[in-house]
Each structure stands twice: as structure tokens, then as C-alpha cells.
Amino acid sequence: MPWKRAAMLVHKKPYSAIFSMAQHTNRIPLFNWLGPLTTARTYFYKLKSRPDVTVNTLNDTTLYSLGMVRGDIYQSLVKKIGFVNGQNLMTFGEEQQYIQLFINNKIDLILGSEHVIYNQLKPYNVSLLDVEQLTELPVSNDLKDNYLAFNKAVPKHIVERFQRAFKVLKQERSLDSFIAPYSNN
């Protein structure tokens, strides 16, 4: 389901969780957290078929249009480097809207973590061979790894039970096999 709907539902449904959510200082009091599950770096991407889009530095990204979901955790980070809503930053209700525009050369850049970019593009028959990874989006100290975020109504003992099981899982086998379906590996 779309990210905003999933985030809204986890707030409304007392015994629910969302997989996965970047932990941000503003979000910490809103959820009970399990993890960290994974750490991934986030990059700007362009279509390889776009030689007109040339990015050598982080500042160069602001010369082009960027699409993302409205309210995305990265929206505040791209604004810090010079993206402005309605000018070079286009925000949408759903990921599908800006990905389609990106594929149709209507938006120059998208953001994606190295773990999920493959799955973002796959429904559109676009592979990693069709895009070029550009510069990394620097993250602030407020933004941490990805976690399983539980609704605050989930009793602490249940979250702790999940945390213990997660710790055993990490010790017994690598998390790579769980991350692989969401990445290009």
C-alpha cells in the first residue's frame, strides 16, 4: 500500500507495525522500535538514457527536478541542499506517480536506497542497468537506520519478545536472506 496510508494505519490500529521505517528523532516518541534491521545509503538516480542530466557534485542535483512522495522523511534533507517545492522538487501522493514521470523523462532524478531501488523500478520493467547511481544524499544525525515500528499501543513485553527473537535470528543466520527480496541481490 502507499507509504502515507501504511503510516496512517499503523497509528490507528493498536496492534500493528510497519516494515520498515527509518528512525528519525521526530518519530522516536511515536512508535515502539525493533532493530535496527538494516542500514542503507540513499542516492540520487537518473536514467542512463539522459545524457543531458550531468551530476558531479551534490549541489549539481539542484539543477534538475526531483520527484518524491509528499511528506517523505528525505524531503527535509533535500530542502537543506537547495530543493524547493514546486520548482525543482515535485511531491506526489504515491510513489507510482513520480516513478512513472521519471521513466517518461518528465522528472530528472529520483532518490532510492541501495536496498530498495531495484524494487521501486521493477514494476515498470526498468532495471538497474537502465539507471545511473549519482551522488549520495548525506543524512543528518537525526536520521538513523531502518526499523520495524510498532504502534505505541503494542505492549512493551511483546516488542521486547520480538526484539529477543530478532537478536537470536541475527546470531543464528545473516539477515541478508531477508533483505535479498527487497534488493537487487
Protein backbone atom coordinates (compact mmCIF):
# COMPACT_ATOMS: atom_id res chain seq x y z
CA MET A 1 0.00 0.00 0.00
CA PRO A 2 1.14 3.58 -0.40
CA TRP A 3 3.55 4.72 2.31
CA LYS A 4 1.35 7.50 3.72
CA ARG A 5 -1.61 5.13 4.08
CA ALA A 6 0.54 2.48 5.74
CA ALA A 7 1.97 5.02 8.19
CA MET A 8 -1.50 6.35 8.97
CA LEU A 9 -2.88 2.86 9.56
CA VAL A 10 -0.11 1.88 11.94
CA HIS A 11 -1.05 4.94 14.02
CA LYS A 12 -4.75 3.99 14.03
CA LYS A 13 -4.55 0.21 14.52
CA PRO A 14 -3.40 -0.59 18.06
CA TYR A 15 -1.75 -3.95 17.31
CA SER A 16 0.08 -3.08 14.13
CA ALA A 17 3.57 -2.38 12.87
CA ILE A 18 5.19 -1.05 9.73
CA PHE A 19 8.16 -2.61 7.95
CA SER A 20 10.45 -0.83 7.60
CA MET A 21 10.76 2.75 8.77
CA ALA A 22 13.78 4.99 9.06
CA GLN A 23 14.11 6.08 12.64
CA HIS A 24 14.13 9.86 12.91
CA THR A 25 14.33 11.97 16.05
CA ASN A 26 10.79 13.27 15.41
CA ARG A 27 9.42 9.73 15.05
CA ILE A 28 11.05 8.13 18.11
CA PRO A 29 8.26 9.01 20.56
CA LEU A 30 5.55 7.92 18.11
CA PHE A 31 6.47 4.22 17.90
CA ASN A 32 8.00 1.28 19.71
CA TRP A 33 11.08 0.27 17.72
CA LEU A 34 12.62 -3.09 16.81
CA GLY A 35 16.02 -3.13 15.22
CA PRO A 36 17.97 -1.81 13.59
CA LEU A 37 17.03 -4.10 10.72
CA THR A 38 19.24 -2.62 8.06
CA THR A 39 21.38 0.30 7.12
CA ALA A 40 21.37 1.57 3.58
CA ARG A 41 22.73 4.61 1.88
CA THR A 42 20.44 6.74 -0.27
CA TYR A 43 21.47 8.00 -3.70
CA PHE A 44 20.15 10.21 -6.45
CA TYR A 45 19.45 8.28 -9.66
CA LYS A 46 18.95 9.31 -13.26
CA LEU A 47 18.04 7.33 -16.35
CA LYS A 48 21.15 6.34 -18.32
CA SER A 49 19.30 7.46 -21.43
CA ARG A 50 19.50 11.06 -20.16
CA PRO A 51 22.94 12.44 -21.14
CA ASP A 52 21.50 15.93 -20.57
CA VAL A 53 21.47 15.24 -16.80
CA THR A 54 25.03 15.67 -15.54
CA VAL A 55 25.70 15.49 -11.81
CA ASN A 56 29.24 15.71 -10.46
CA THR A 57 28.52 17.17 -7.02
CA LEU A 58 25.66 17.22 -4.56
CA ASN A 59 24.93 20.85 -5.49
CA ASP A 60 24.54 19.82 -9.15
CA THR A 61 21.44 17.79 -8.21
CA THR A 62 19.52 21.01 -7.52
CA LEU A 63 19.85 21.98 -11.19
CA TYR A 64 17.35 19.21 -12.02
CA SER A 65 13.87 18.15 -10.98
CA LEU A 66 13.43 15.56 -8.24
CA GLY A 67 10.31 13.55 -7.53
CA MET A 68 9.30 12.04 -4.20
CA VAL A 69 6.33 11.20 -2.03
CA ARG A 70 4.89 14.19 -0.18
CA GLY A 71 6.00 14.08 3.44
CA ASP A 72 8.84 11.63 2.79
CA ILE A 73 11.46 11.67 5.55
CA TYR A 74 14.05 12.75 2.99
CA GLN A 75 12.08 15.83 1.95
CA SER A 76 13.62 17.96 4.70
CA LEU A 77 17.11 16.73 3.74
CA VAL A 78 16.78 17.68 0.07
CA LYS A 79 15.40 21.08 1.03
CA LYS A 80 18.58 21.69 3.04
CA ILE A 81 20.67 21.25 -0.11
CA GLY A 82 18.53 23.60 -2.18
CA PHE A 83 15.45 21.79 -3.47
CA VAL A 84 12.30 23.91 -3.39
CA ASN A 85 8.72 22.59 -3.55
CA GLY A 86 7.10 23.34 -6.89
CA GLN A 87 10.35 24.44 -8.50
CA ASN A 88 12.88 21.61 -8.62
CA LEU A 89 11.11 19.41 -6.04
CA MET A 90 7.91 17.71 -7.17
CA THR A 91 5.97 15.87 -4.46
CA PHE A 92 3.22 13.33 -5.03
CA GLY A 93 0.71 11.31 -3.04
CA GLU A 94 2.13 7.99 -4.20
CA GLU A 95 5.48 6.66 -5.36
CA GLN A 96 3.98 5.32 -8.60
CA GLN A 97 3.15 8.85 -9.74
CA TYR A 98 6.69 10.20 -9.69
CA ILE A 99 8.34 6.96 -10.85
CA GLN A 100 6.14 6.97 -13.95
CA LEU A 101 7.08 10.60 -14.66
CA PHE A 102 10.76 9.74 -14.12
CA ILE A 103 10.56 6.89 -16.63
CA ASN A 104 8.80 9.18 -19.11
CA ASN A 105 11.58 11.80 -18.77
CA LYS A 106 9.27 14.32 -17.09
CA ILE A 107 11.29 14.28 -13.85
CA ASP A 108 15.09 14.16 -13.97
CA LEU A 109 16.03 12.50 -10.67
CA ILE A 110 14.71 10.15 -8.03
CA LEU A 111 16.08 9.04 -4.68
CA GLY A 112 16.46 5.44 -3.65
CA SER A 113 18.29 3.41 -1.08
CA GLU A 114 20.67 0.82 -2.36
CA HIS A 115 18.33 -1.83 -0.88
CA VAL A 116 15.05 -0.75 -2.47
CA ILE A 117 15.80 0.99 -5.78
CA TYR A 118 15.53 -2.33 -7.62
CA ASN A 119 12.01 -2.92 -6.31
CA GLN A 120 10.99 0.67 -6.96
CA LEU A 121 11.80 0.27 -10.66
CA LYS A 122 10.88 -3.38 -11.25
CA PRO A 123 7.09 -2.85 -11.73
CA TYR A 124 7.93 -0.56 -14.66
CA ASN A 125 10.26 -3.05 -16.37
CA VAL A 126 13.19 -0.77 -15.61
CA SER A 127 16.33 -2.48 -14.36
CA LEU A 128 19.39 -1.22 -12.55
CA LEU A 129 21.12 -1.30 -15.93
CA ASP A 130 18.75 1.46 -17.07
CA VAL A 131 19.64 3.90 -14.29
CA GLU A 132 22.80 5.54 -13.09
CA GLN A 133 23.59 5.95 -9.43
CA LEU A 134 24.77 9.50 -8.86
CA THR A 135 25.80 11.19 -5.65
CA GLU A 136 24.82 10.06 -2.17
CA LEU A 137 22.29 12.04 -0.16
CA PRO A 138 24.01 12.93 3.10
CA VAL A 139 21.89 12.11 6.12
CA SER A 140 21.61 14.13 9.28
CA ASN A 141 22.31 12.86 12.77
CA ASP A 142 18.54 12.89 13.32
CA LEU A 143 18.05 10.06 10.83
CA LYS A 144 19.04 6.54 11.80
CA ASP A 145 18.77 3.04 10.36
CA ASN A 146 15.59 1.23 9.34
CA TYR A 147 13.47 -0.47 12.00
CA LEU A 148 10.21 -2.29 12.49
CA ALA A 149 7.98 0.39 14.02
CA PHE A 150 5.15 -0.78 16.28
CA ASN A 151 2.08 1.20 17.20
CA LYS A 152 2.61 2.60 20.72
CA ALA A 153 -0.35 0.51 21.95
CA VAL A 154 1.58 -2.72 21.38
CA PRO A 155 2.58 -3.76 24.90
CA LYS A 156 6.25 -3.33 25.71
CA HIS A 157 6.61 -7.02 26.63
CA ILE A 158 5.52 -8.00 23.10
CA VAL A 159 8.00 -5.61 21.50
CA GLU A 160 10.71 -6.97 23.81
CA ARG A 161 9.79 -10.53 22.81
CA PHE A 162 10.18 -9.57 19.14
CA GLN A 163 13.49 -7.88 19.95
CA ARG A 164 14.81 -11.05 21.67
CA ALA A 165 13.71 -13.23 18.73
CA PHE A 166 15.32 -10.78 16.33
CA LYS A 167 18.59 -10.92 18.27
CA VAL A 168 18.59 -14.74 18.10
CA LEU A 169 17.80 -14.62 14.38
CA LYS A 170 20.72 -12.26 13.75
CA GLN A 171 23.07 -14.54 15.71
CA GLU A 172 21.93 -17.75 14.02
CA ARG A 173 21.94 -16.53 10.44
CA SER A 174 22.64 -13.48 8.38
CA LEU A 175 19.88 -11.03 7.66
CA ASP A 176 20.99 -10.97 4.02
CA SER A 177 18.48 -13.68 3.08
CA PHE A 178 15.68 -11.48 4.42
CA ILE A 179 16.94 -8.32 2.73
CA ALA A 180 17.57 -10.00 -0.64
CA PRO A 181 13.91 -9.99 -1.81
CA TYR A 182 13.89 -6.20 -1.43
CA SER A 183 17.20 -5.51 -3.09
CA ASN A 184 18.86 -6.28 -6.39
CA ASN A 185 20.94 -9.12 -4.98
